[in-house]
C-alpha atoms as a PDB file:
ATOM      1  CA  MET A   1      27.673  31.487  20.240  1.00  0.00           C
ATOM      2  CA  SER A   2      26.195  27.989  20.028  1.00  0.00           C
ATOM      3  CA  GLY A   3      24.066  28.782  23.069  1.00  0.00           C
ATOM      4  CA  LEU A   4      22.255  31.263  20.866  1.00  0.00           C
ATOM      5  CA  LEU A   5      21.184  28.554  18.366  1.00  0.00           C
ATOM      6  CA  GLY A   6      17.443  28.230  18.558  1.00  0.00           C
ATOM      7  CA  SER A   7      16.942  31.099  20.856  1.00  0.00           C
ATOM      8  CA  ARG A   8      13.404  32.829  20.555  1.00  0.00           C
ATOM      9  CA  ASP A   9      14.997  36.219  20.180  1.00  0.00           C
ATOM     10  CA  CYS A  10      17.153  35.168  17.369  1.00  0.00           C
ATOM     11  CA  ILE A  11      14.590  33.358  15.408  1.00  0.00           C
ATOM     12  CA  GLU A  12      12.216  36.217  15.589  1.00  0.00           C
ATOM     13  CA  SER A  13      14.965  38.592  14.533  1.00  0.00           C
ATOM     14  CA  LEU A  14      15.845  36.325  11.581  1.00  0.00           C
ATOM     15  CA  ARG A  15      12.109  36.050  10.653  1.00  0.00           C
ATOM     16  CA  SER A  16      11.997  39.874  10.610  1.00  0.00           C
ATOM     17  CA  ASP A  17      15.265  39.959   8.479  1.00  0.00           C
ATOM     18  CA  VAL A  18      13.793  37.344   5.883  1.00  0.00           C
ATOM     19  CA  SER A  19      10.640  39.383   5.596  1.00  0.00           C
ATOM     20  CA  ASP A  20      12.541  42.695   5.170  1.00  0.00           C
ATOM     21  CA  LEU A  21      14.807  41.312   2.493  1.00  0.00           C
ATOM     22  CA  GLN A  22      11.893  39.708   0.645  1.00  0.00           C
ATOM     23  CA  TRP A  23      10.120  43.174   0.636  1.00  0.00           C
ATOM     24  CA  ALA A  24      13.301  44.781  -0.642  1.00  0.00           C
ATOM     25  CA  VAL A  25      13.675  42.036  -3.348  1.00  0.00           C
ATOM     26  CA  MET A  26      10.163  42.483  -4.466  1.00  0.00           C
ATOM     27  CA  ASP A  27      10.686  46.274  -4.720  1.00  0.00           C
ATOM     28  CA  VAL A  28      13.796  45.843  -6.815  1.00  0.00           C
ATOM     29  CA  LEU A  29      11.952  43.412  -9.033  1.00  0.00           C
ATOM     30  CA  SER A  30       9.104  45.574  -9.401  1.00  0.00           C
ATOM     31  CA  ARG A  31      11.416  48.219 -11.065  1.00  0.00           C
ATOM     32  CA  VAL A  32      13.582  45.987 -13.156  1.00  0.00           C
ATOM     33  CA  GLY A  33      11.209  43.226 -14.037  1.00  0.00           C
ATOM     34  CA  PRO A  34      11.446  39.400 -13.491  1.00  0.00           C
ATOM     35  CA  VAL A  35      14.611  37.536 -13.247  1.00  0.00           C
ATOM     36  CA  THR A  36      15.397  33.909 -13.464  1.00  0.00           C
ATOM     37  CA  PHE A  37      17.748  32.888 -10.844  1.00  0.00           C
ATOM     38  CA  ARG A  38      17.759  29.705  -9.103  1.00  0.00           C
ATOM     39  CA  SER A  39      17.289  29.774  -5.301  1.00  0.00           C
ATOM     40  CA  TRP A  40      20.315  29.021  -3.324  1.00  0.00           C
ATOM     41  CA  LYS A  41      18.318  27.130  -0.698  1.00  0.00           C
ATOM     42  CA  TYR A  42      15.900  25.262  -3.095  1.00  0.00           C
ATOM     43  CA  PRO A  43      17.964  25.103  -6.399  1.00  0.00           C
ATOM     44  CA  ASP A  44      15.205  23.162  -7.951  1.00  0.00           C
ATOM     45  CA  LYS A  45      13.129  26.231  -7.891  1.00  0.00           C
ATOM     46  CA  LEU A  46      13.402  29.833  -9.178  1.00  0.00           C
ATOM     47  CA  SER A  47      14.280  32.444  -6.450  1.00  0.00           C
ATOM     48  CA  ALA A  48      11.210  34.357  -7.358  1.00  0.00           C
ATOM     49  CA  ASP A  49       8.841  31.285  -6.993  1.00  0.00           C
ATOM     50  CA  LEU A  50       9.520  30.656  -3.363  1.00  0.00           C
ATOM     51  CA  ASP A  51       6.326  31.273  -1.179  1.00  0.00           C
ATOM     52  CA  MET A  52       8.133  33.235   1.628  1.00  0.00           C
ATOM     53  CA  LYS A  53       4.895  33.570   3.619  1.00  0.00           C
ATOM     54  CA  GLU A  54       4.518  29.964   3.659  1.00  0.00           C
ATOM     55  CA  LEU A  55       8.108  29.285   4.765  1.00  0.00           C
ATOM     56  CA  LEU A  56       7.969  32.132   7.277  1.00  0.00           C
ATOM     57  CA  GLU A  57       4.762  30.279   8.783  1.00  0.00           C
ATOM     58  CA  LYS A  58       6.579  26.903   8.877  1.00  0.00           C
ATOM     59  CA  TYR A  59       9.904  27.893  10.506  1.00  0.00           C
ATOM     60  CA  VAL A  60       8.727  29.474  13.852  1.00  0.00           C
ATOM     61  CA  CYS A  61       9.950  29.266  17.381  1.00  0.00           C
ATOM     62  CA  GLY A  62       8.142  26.245  18.770  1.00  0.00           C
ATOM     63  CA  ASP A  63       8.709  24.431  22.026  1.00  0.00           C
ATOM     64  CA  ASP A  64      11.025  21.594  20.861  1.00  0.00           C
ATOM     65  CA  LEU A  65      14.634  22.557  21.089  1.00  0.00           C
ATOM     66  CA  GLU A  66      15.676  20.651  17.843  1.00  0.00           C
ATOM     67  CA  GLU A  67      12.902  22.176  15.846  1.00  0.00           C
ATOM     68  CA  ARG A  68      13.912  25.642  17.059  1.00  0.00           C
ATOM     69  CA  GLN A  69      17.541  24.977  16.043  1.00  0.00           C
ATOM     70  CA  ALA A  70      16.395  23.659  12.874  1.00  0.00           C
ATOM     71  CA  SER A  71      14.166  26.710  12.245  1.00  0.00           C
ATOM     72  CA  HIS A  72      17.212  28.903  13.214  1.00  0.00           C
ATOM     73  CA  ILE A  73      19.409  27.323  10.541  1.00  0.00           C
ATOM     74  CA  VAL A  74      16.785  27.458   7.921  1.00  0.00           C
ATOM     75  CA  LEU A  75      16.063  31.120   8.564  1.00  0.00           C
ATOM     76  CA  LEU A  76      19.835  31.703   8.158  1.00  0.00           C
ATOM     77  CA  GLU A  77      19.819  30.072   5.003  1.00  0.00           C
ATOM     78  CA  LEU A  78      17.022  32.002   3.724  1.00  0.00           C
ATOM     79  CA  VAL A  79      18.709  35.316   4.543  1.00  0.00           C
ATOM     80  CA  ILE A  80      21.353  33.960   2.238  1.00  0.00           C
ATOM     81  CA  ASP A  81      18.913  32.929  -0.362  1.00  0.00           C
ATOM     82  CA  ARG A  82      17.333  36.401  -0.546  1.00  0.00           C
END
């Protein structure tokens, strides 16, 4: 499994998952109103205050293996956060 860490397909799949989860969260919030939960990944911020578009632009599949692995891990954490 560690061979998949940083793979282009995994990163793109996670980016898609985070985007889909964000859409679902926003859909629910539009029906129930705002919530004041802290972010799991960024506990100093409210979950609703995270700019997911900015985060998804930041964590992409680049050329450097270490950067790809870090992006992979952060994207997994964002799935949990959502």
